[in-house]
PDB file of N, CA and C in Angstrom:
ATOM      1  N   UNK A   1      27.428 -41.422  37.759  1.00  0.00           N
ATOM      2  CA  UNK A   1      28.007 -42.724  37.635  1.00  0.00           C
ATOM      3  C   UNK A   1      27.191 -43.519  36.613  1.00  0.00           C
ATOM      4  N   UNK A   2      27.815 -43.944  35.531  1.00  0.00           N
ATOM      5  CA  UNK A   2      27.127 -44.731  34.515  1.00  0.00           C
ATOM      6  C   UNK A   2      26.242 -43.878  33.627  1.00  0.00           C
ATOM      7  N   UNK A   3      25.351 -44.541  32.904  1.00  0.00           N
ATOM      8  CA  UNK A   3      24.436 -43.857  31.987  1.00  0.00           C
ATOM      9  C   UNK A   3      23.244 -43.298  32.750  1.00  0.00           C
ATOM     10  N   UNK A   4      22.698 -42.198  32.246  1.00  0.00           N
ATOM     11  CA  UNK A   4      21.519 -41.573  32.837  1.00  0.00           C
ATOM     12  C   UNK A   4      20.358 -41.672  31.855  1.00  0.00           C
ATOM     13  N   UNK A   5      19.159 -41.793  32.376  1.00  0.00           N
ATOM     14  CA  UNK A   5      17.974 -41.947  31.548  1.00  0.00           C
ATOM     15  C   UNK A   5      17.455 -40.594  31.061  1.00  0.00           C
ATOM     16  N   UNK A   6      17.139 -40.515  29.764  1.00  0.00           N
ATOM     17  CA  UNK A   6      16.483 -39.343  29.186  1.00  0.00           C
ATOM     18  C   UNK A   6      14.987 -39.575  29.353  1.00  0.00           C
ATOM     19  N   UNK A   7      14.295 -38.638  30.047  1.00  0.00           N
ATOM     20  CA  UNK A   7      12.866 -38.820  30.290  1.00  0.00           C
ATOM     21  C   UNK A   7      11.994 -38.007  29.336  1.00  0.00           C
ATOM     22  N   UNK A   8      12.617 -37.122  28.559  1.00  0.00           N
ATOM     23  CA  UNK A   8      11.851 -36.340  27.595  1.00  0.00           C
ATOM     24  C   UNK A   8      12.765 -35.556  26.678  1.00  0.00           C
ATOM     25  N   UNK A   9      12.228 -35.199  25.511  1.00  0.00           N
ATOM     26  CA  UNK A   9      12.959 -34.390  24.533  1.00  0.00           C
ATOM     27  C   UNK A   9      11.996 -33.340  23.996  1.00  0.00           C
ATOM     28  N   UNK A  10      12.456 -32.090  23.940  1.00  0.00           N
ATOM     29  CA  UNK A  10      11.605 -31.017  23.426  1.00  0.00           C
ATOM     30  C   UNK A  10      12.404 -29.769  23.146  1.00  0.00           C
ATOM     31  N   UNK A  11      11.722 -28.721  22.707  1.00  0.00           N
ATOM     32  CA  UNK A  11      12.364 -27.436  22.424  1.00  0.00           C
ATOM     33  C   UNK A  11      12.252 -26.532  23.649  1.00  0.00           C
ATOM     34  N   UNK A  12      13.298 -25.740  23.888  1.00  0.00           N
ATOM     35  CA  UNK A  12      13.334 -24.807  25.011  1.00  0.00           C
ATOM     36  C   UNK A  12      13.759 -23.452  24.479  1.00  0.00           C
ATOM     37  N   UNK A  13      13.078 -22.399  24.913  1.00  0.00           N
ATOM     38  CA  UNK A  13      13.441 -21.040  24.514  1.00  0.00           C
ATOM     39  C   UNK A  13      14.021 -20.314  25.715  1.00  0.00           C
ATOM     40  N   UNK A  14      15.288 -19.910  25.630  1.00  0.00           N
ATOM     41  CA  UNK A  14      15.918 -19.095  26.663  1.00  0.00           C
ATOM     42  C   UNK A  14      15.706 -17.642  26.278  1.00  0.00           C
ATOM     43  N   UNK A  15      15.124 -16.865  27.175  1.00  0.00           N
ATOM     44  CA  UNK A  15      14.853 -15.472  26.866  1.00  0.00           C
ATOM     45  C   UNK A  15      15.639 -14.578  27.815  1.00  0.00           C
ATOM     46  N   UNK A  16      16.473 -13.741  27.246  1.00  0.00           N
ATOM     47  CA  UNK A  16      17.197 -12.720  27.999  1.00  0.00           C
ATOM     48  C   UNK A  16      16.860 -11.412  27.294  1.00  0.00           C
ATOM     49  N   UNK A  17      17.830 -10.651  26.875  1.00  0.00           N
ATOM     50  CA  UNK A  17      17.544  -9.463  26.072  1.00  0.00           C
ATOM     51  C   UNK A  17      17.198  -9.872  24.644  1.00  0.00           C
ATOM     52  N   UNK A  18      17.433 -11.140  24.318  1.00  0.00           N
ATOM     53  CA  UNK A  18      17.065 -11.742  23.046  1.00  0.00           C
ATOM     54  C   UNK A  18      16.612 -13.167  23.334  1.00  0.00           C
ATOM     55  N   UNK A  19      16.197 -13.898  22.340  1.00  0.00           N
ATOM     56  CA  UNK A  19      15.740 -15.276  22.544  1.00  0.00           C
ATOM     57  C   UNK A  19      16.682 -16.252  21.856  1.00  0.00           C
ATOM     58  N   UNK A  20      16.896 -17.371  22.495  1.00  0.00           N
ATOM     59  CA  UNK A  20      17.724 -18.439  21.949  1.00  0.00           C
ATOM     60  C   UNK A  20      16.900 -19.718  22.017  1.00  0.00           C
ATOM     61  N   UNK A  21      16.503 -20.245  20.859  1.00  0.00           N
ATOM     62  CA  UNK A  21      15.707 -21.467  20.800  1.00  0.00           C
ATOM     63  C   UNK A  21      16.638 -22.669  20.697  1.00  0.00           C
ATOM     64  N   UNK A  22      16.548 -23.554  21.669  1.00  0.00           N
ATOM     65  CA  UNK A  22      17.327 -24.784  21.665  1.00  0.00           C
ATOM     66  C   UNK A  22      16.380 -25.907  21.263  1.00  0.00           C
ATOM     67  N   UNK A  23      16.713 -26.617  20.201  1.00  0.00           N
ATOM     68  CA  UNK A  23      15.840 -27.666  19.667  1.00  0.00           C
ATOM     69  C   UNK A  23      16.269 -29.041  20.170  1.00  0.00           C
ATOM     70  N   UNK A  24      15.285 -29.909  20.332  1.00  0.00           N
ATOM     71  CA  UNK A  24      15.511 -31.300  20.737  1.00  0.00           C
ATOM     72  C   UNK A  24      16.375 -31.411  21.991  1.00  0.00           C
ATOM     73  N   UNK A  25      16.013 -30.653  23.021  1.00  0.00           N
ATOM     74  CA  UNK A  25      16.713 -30.667  24.302  1.00  0.00           C
ATOM     75  C   UNK A  25      16.320 -31.932  25.063  1.00  0.00           C
ATOM     76  N   UNK A  26      17.303 -32.608  25.610  1.00  0.00           N
ATOM     77  CA  UNK A  26      17.048 -33.815  26.402  1.00  0.00           C
ATOM     78  C   UNK A  26      16.849 -33.435  27.869  1.00  0.00           C
ATOM     79  N   UNK A  27      15.800 -33.971  28.489  1.00  0.00           N
ATOM     80  CA  UNK A  27      15.562 -33.767  29.919  1.00  0.00           C
ATOM     81  C   UNK A  27      16.096 -34.995  30.653  1.00  0.00           C
ATOM     82  N   UNK A  28      17.171 -34.768  31.406  1.00  0.00           N
ATOM     83  CA  UNK A  28      17.842 -35.842  32.141  1.00  0.00           C
ATOM     84  C   UNK A  28      17.909 -35.404  33.607  1.00  0.00           C
ATOM     85  N   UNK A  29      16.942 -35.820  34.431  1.00  0.00           N
ATOM     86  CA  UNK A  29      16.868 -35.346  35.816  1.00  0.00           C
ATOM     87  C   UNK A  29      18.135 -35.572  36.639  1.00  0.00           C
ATOM     88  N   UNK A  30      18.892 -36.625  36.369  1.00  0.00           N
ATOM     89  CA  UNK A  30      20.101 -36.899  37.169  1.00  0.00           C
ATOM     90  C   UNK A  30      21.262 -35.969  36.838  1.00  0.00           C
ATOM     91  N   UNK A  31      21.190 -35.252  35.708  1.00  0.00           N
ATOM     92  CA  UNK A  31      22.242 -34.289  35.365  1.00  0.00           C
ATOM     93  C   UNK A  31      21.855 -32.962  36.007  1.00  0.00           C
ATOM     94  N   UNK A  32      22.642 -32.494  36.938  1.00  0.00           N
ATOM     95  CA  UNK A  32      22.279 -31.319  37.734  1.00  0.00           C
ATOM     96  C   UNK A  32      22.601 -29.994  37.063  1.00  0.00           C
ATOM     97  N   UNK A  33      23.417 -30.016  36.012  1.00  0.00           N
ATOM     98  CA  UNK A  33      23.761 -28.794  35.291  1.00  0.00           C
ATOM     99  C   UNK A  33      23.023 -28.758  33.964  1.00  0.00           C
ATOM    100  N   UNK A  34      22.673 -27.570  33.503  1.00  0.00           N
ATOM    101  CA  UNK A  34      22.130 -27.422  32.157  1.00  0.00           C
ATOM    102  C   UNK A  34      23.303 -27.286  31.207  1.00  0.00           C
ATOM    103  N   UNK A  35      23.308 -28.083  30.155  1.00  0.00           N
ATOM    104  CA  UNK A  35      24.400 -28.059  29.190  1.00  0.00           C
ATOM    105  C   UNK A  35      23.868 -27.746  27.808  1.00  0.00           C
ATOM    106  N   UNK A  36      24.631 -26.985  27.052  1.00  0.00           N
ATOM    107  CA  UNK A  36      24.263 -26.637  25.685  1.00  0.00           C
ATOM    108  C   UNK A  36      25.306 -27.238  24.753  1.00  0.00           C
ATOM    109  N   UNK A  37      24.856 -27.876  23.694  1.00  0.00           N
ATOM    110  CA  UNK A  37      25.757 -28.460  22.718  1.00  0.00           C
ATOM    111  C   UNK A  37      26.234 -27.386  21.743  1.00  0.00           C
ATOM    112  N   UNK A  38      27.526 -27.075  21.796  1.00  0.00           N
ATOM    113  CA  UNK A  38      28.095 -26.102  20.861  1.00  0.00           C
ATOM    114  C   UNK A  38      27.974 -26.598  19.428  1.00  0.00           C
ATOM    115  N   UNK A  39      28.052 -27.905  19.238  1.00  0.00           N
ATOM    116  CA  UNK A  39      27.919 -28.491  17.908  1.00  0.00           C
ATOM    117  C   UNK A  39      26.520 -28.237  17.336  1.00  0.00           C
ATOM    118  N   UNK A  40      25.502 -28.356  18.166  1.00  0.00           N
ATOM    119  CA  UNK A  40      24.129 -28.109  17.717  1.00  0.00           C
ATOM    120  C   UNK A  40      23.947 -26.633  17.357  1.00  0.00           C
ATOM    121  N   UNK A  41      24.515 -25.735  18.159  1.00  0.00           N
ATOM    122  CA  UNK A  41      24.422 -24.310  17.840  1.00  0.00           C
ATOM    123  C   UNK A  41      25.117 -24.015  16.516  1.00  0.00           C
ATOM    124  N   UNK A  42      26.251 -24.651  16.278  1.00  0.00           N
ATOM    125  CA  UNK A  42      26.964 -24.496  15.010  1.00  0.00           C
ATOM    126  C   UNK A  42      26.092 -24.960  13.845  1.00  0.00           C
ATOM    127  N   UNK A  43      25.417 -26.094  14.012  1.00  0.00           N
ATOM    128  CA  UNK A  43      24.529 -26.612  12.965  1.00  0.00           C
ATOM    129  C   UNK A  43      23.386 -25.651  12.655  1.00  0.00           C
ATOM    130  N   UNK A  44      22.966 -24.856  13.645  1.00  0.00           N
ATOM    131  CA  UNK A  44      21.851 -23.930  13.459  1.00  0.00           C
ATOM    132  C   UNK A  44      22.308 -22.526  13.047  1.00  0.00           C
ATOM    133  N   UNK A  45      23.592 -22.372  12.703  1.00  0.00           N
ATOM    134  CA  UNK A  45      24.071 -21.108  12.166  1.00  0.00           C
ATOM    135  C   UNK A  45      24.658 -20.129  13.164  1.00  0.00           C
ATOM    136  N   UNK A  46      24.833 -20.561  14.408  1.00  0.00           N
ATOM    137  CA  UNK A  46      25.472 -19.690  15.400  1.00  0.00           C
ATOM    138  C   UNK A  46      26.978 -19.838  15.278  1.00  0.00           C
ATOM    139  N   UNK A  47      27.701 -18.784  15.606  1.00  0.00           N
ATOM    140  CA  UNK A  47      29.153 -18.863  15.643  1.00  0.00           C
ATOM    141  C   UNK A  47      29.593 -18.707  17.095  1.00  0.00           C
ATOM    142  N   UNK A  48      30.672 -19.367  17.444  1.00  0.00           N
ATOM    143  CA  UNK A  48      31.172 -19.296  18.808  1.00  0.00           C
ATOM    144  C   UNK A  48      32.626 -18.882  18.819  1.00  0.00           C
ATOM    145  N   UNK A  49      33.006 -18.205  19.894  1.00  0.00           N
ATOM    146  CA  UNK A  49      34.412 -17.833  20.056  1.00  0.00           C
ATOM    147  C   UNK A  49      34.757 -17.889  21.539  1.00  0.00           C
ATOM    148  N   UNK A  50      36.032 -18.152  21.804  1.00  0.00           N
ATOM    149  CA  UNK A  50      36.533 -18.186  23.175  1.00  0.00           C
ATOM    150  C   UNK A  50      37.692 -17.214  23.266  1.00  0.00           C
ATOM    151  N   UNK A  51      37.620 -16.326  24.258  1.00  0.00           N
ATOM    152  CA  UNK A  51      38.670 -15.328  24.447  1.00  0.00           C
ATOM    153  C   UNK A  51      38.628 -14.844  25.888  1.00  0.00           C
ATOM    154  N   UNK A  52      39.778 -14.762  26.521  1.00  0.00           N
ATOM    155  CA  UNK A  52      39.897 -14.251  27.891  1.00  0.00           C
ATOM    156  C   UNK A  52      38.903 -14.918  28.847  1.00  0.00           C
ATOM    157  N   UNK A  53      38.849 -16.244  28.833  1.00  0.00           N
ATOM    158  CA  UNK A  53      37.978 -17.031  29.717  1.00  0.00           C
ATOM    159  C   UNK A  53      36.487 -16.771  29.507  1.00  0.00           C
ATOM    160  N   UNK A  54      36.111 -16.263  28.344  1.00  0.00           N
ATOM    161  CA  UNK A  54      34.709 -16.039  28.012  1.00  0.00           C
ATOM    162  C   UNK A  54      34.403 -16.684  26.664  1.00  0.00           C
ATOM    163  N   UNK A  55      33.333 -17.471  26.632  1.00  0.00           N
ATOM    164  CA  UNK A  55      32.859 -18.043  25.384  1.00  0.00           C
ATOM    165  C   UNK A  55      31.592 -17.283  25.015  1.00  0.00           C
ATOM    166  N   UNK A  56      31.461 -16.912  23.747  1.00  0.00           N
ATOM    167  CA  UNK A  56      30.224 -16.257  23.344  1.00  0.00           C
ATOM    168  C   UNK A  56      29.722 -16.846  22.035  1.00  0.00           C
ATOM    169  N   UNK A  57      28.406 -16.844  21.907  1.00  0.00           N
ATOM    170  CA  UNK A  57      27.746 -17.337  20.713  1.00  0.00           C
ATOM    171  C   UNK A  57      26.990 -16.195  20.068  1.00  0.00           C
ATOM    172  N   UNK A  58      27.138 -16.077  18.750  1.00  0.00           N
ATOM    173  CA  UNK A  58      26.505 -14.993  17.996  1.00  0.00           C
ATOM    174  C   UNK A  58      25.718 -15.557  16.829  1.00  0.00           C
ATOM    175  N   UNK A  59      24.721 -14.800  16.421  1.00  0.00           N
ATOM    176  CA  UNK A  59      24.023 -15.075  15.172  1.00  0.00           C
ATOM    177  C   UNK A  59      24.085 -13.757  14.417  1.00  0.00           C
ATOM    178  N   UNK A  60      24.894 -13.737  13.361  1.00  0.00           N
ATOM    179  CA  UNK A  60      25.181 -12.463  12.700  1.00  0.00           C
ATOM    180  C   UNK A  60      26.000 -11.613  13.649  1.00  0.00           C
ATOM    181  N   UNK A  61      25.585 -10.374  13.857  1.00  0.00           N
ATOM    182  CA  UNK A  61      26.318  -9.489  14.770  1.00  0.00           C
ATOM    183  C   UNK A  61      25.716  -9.475  16.174  1.00  0.00           C
ATOM    184  N   UNK A  62      24.638 -10.227  16.396  1.00  0.00           N
ATOM    185  CA  UNK A  62      23.956 -10.236  17.683  1.00  0.00           C
ATOM    186  C   UNK A  62      24.536 -11.304  18.602  1.00  0.00           C
ATOM    187  N   UNK A  63      25.001 -10.900  19.786  1.00  0.00           N
ATOM    188  CA  UNK A  63      25.484 -11.843  20.803  1.00  0.00           C
ATOM    189  C   UNK A  63      24.258 -12.397  21.510  1.00  0.00           C
ATOM    190  N   UNK A  64      24.065 -13.727  21.431  1.00  0.00           N
ATOM    191  CA  UNK A  64      22.877 -14.330  22.033  1.00  0.00           C
ATOM    192  C   UNK A  64      23.178 -15.050  23.341  1.00  0.00           C
ATOM    193  N   UNK A  65      24.433 -15.405  23.602  1.00  0.00           N
ATOM    194  CA  UNK A  65      24.772 -16.090  24.850  1.00  0.00           C
ATOM    195  C   UNK A  65      26.245 -15.904  25.160  1.00  0.00           C
ATOM    196  N   UNK A  66      26.539 -15.874  26.451  1.00  0.00           N
ATOM    197  CA  UNK A  66      27.921 -15.828  26.933  1.00  0.00           C
ATOM    198  C   UNK A  66      28.098 -16.906  27.988  1.00  0.00           C
ATOM    199  N   UNK A  67      29.293 -17.442  28.060  1.00  0.00           N
ATOM    200  CA  UNK A  67      29.624 -18.419  29.098  1.00  0.00           C
ATOM    201  C   UNK A  67      30.972 -18.030  29.685  1.00  0.00           C
ATOM    202  N   UNK A  68      31.057 -18.049  31.008  1.00  0.00           N
ATOM    203  CA  UNK A  68      32.293 -17.692  31.694  1.00  0.00           C
ATOM    204  C   UNK A  68      33.003 -18.956  32.155  1.00  0.00           C
ATOM    205  N   UNK A  69      34.330 -18.976  32.021  1.00  0.00           N
ATOM    206  CA  UNK A  69      35.113 -20.146  32.423  1.00  0.00           C
ATOM    207  C   UNK A  69      35.316 -20.128  33.932  1.00  0.00           C
ATOM    208  N   UNK A  70      34.872 -21.209  34.551  1.00  0.00           N
ATOM    209  CA  UNK A  70      35.079 -21.410  35.982  1.00  0.00           C
ATOM    210  C   UNK A  70      35.817 -22.749  36.100  1.00  0.00           C
ATOM    211  N   UNK A  71      37.046 -22.725  36.554  1.00  0.00           N
ATOM    212  CA  UNK A  71      37.925 -23.900  36.554  1.00  0.00           C
ATOM    213  C   UNK A  71      38.058 -24.409  35.117  1.00  0.00           C
ATOM    214  N   UNK A  72      37.514 -25.573  34.797  1.00  0.00           N
ATOM    215  CA  UNK A  72      37.656 -26.112  33.437  1.00  0.00           C
ATOM    216  C   UNK A  72      36.325 -26.172  32.685  1.00  0.00           C
ATOM    217  N   UNK A  73      35.282 -25.517  33.229  1.00  0.00           N
ATOM    218  CA  UNK A  73      33.946 -25.588  32.652  1.00  0.00           C
ATOM    219  C   UNK A  73      33.446 -24.189  32.324  1.00  0.00           C
ATOM    220  N   UNK A  74      32.812 -24.043  31.159  1.00  0.00           N
ATOM    221  CA  UNK A  74      32.209 -22.765  30.805  1.00  0.00           C
ATOM    222  C   UNK A  74      30.759 -22.757  31.283  1.00  0.00           C
ATOM    223  N   UNK A  75      30.413 -21.798  32.125  1.00  0.00           N
ATOM    224  CA  UNK A  75      29.074 -21.688  32.677  1.00  0.00           C
ATOM    225  C   UNK A  75      28.337 -20.536  32.012  1.00  0.00           C
ATOM    226  N   UNK A  76      27.096 -20.824  31.609  1.00  0.00           N
ATOM    227  CA  UNK A  76      26.269 -19.854  30.911  1.00  0.00           C
ATOM    228  C   UNK A  76      26.020 -18.638  31.783  1.00  0.00           C
ATOM    229  N   UNK A  77      26.182 -17.472  31.229  1.00  0.00           N
ATOM    230  CA  UNK A  77      25.913 -16.210  31.928  1.00  0.00           C
ATOM    231  C   UNK A  77      24.838 -15.460  31.159  1.00  0.00           C
ATOM    232  N   UNK A  78      23.757 -15.116  31.828  1.00  0.00           N
ATOM    233  CA  UNK A  78      22.678 -14.378  31.145  1.00  0.00           C
ATOM    234  C   UNK A  78      23.205 -13.059  30.631  1.00  0.00           C
ATOM    235  N   UNK A  79      22.872 -12.746  29.407  1.00  0.00           N
ATOM    236  CA  UNK A  79      23.290 -11.474  28.806  1.00  0.00           C
ATOM    237  C   UNK A  79      22.362 -10.387  29.286  1.00  0.00           C
ATOM    238  N   UNK A  80      22.912  -9.285  29.780  1.00  0.00           N
ATOM    239  CA  UNK A  80      22.099  -8.173  30.286  1.00  0.00           C
ATOM    240  C   UNK A  80      22.320  -6.946  29.467  1.00  0.00           C
TER     241      UNK A  80
END
């Protein structure tokens, strides 16, 4: 409800079978979900596609992240 306070900004590295560096991530304790800006990934050279309820982000031919559609929201799924 209303605006939420940003208490910090920094870089975060997600490590699965590969690494995904997210720059200038906002830490907002009242937001209970982790969200990734597709626009920011686009600015950093990642490409995204949506097909069959799955969103994936690639850098070159390497798939670095997948998100599965649950209702109307895409939820990040660790790549294994």
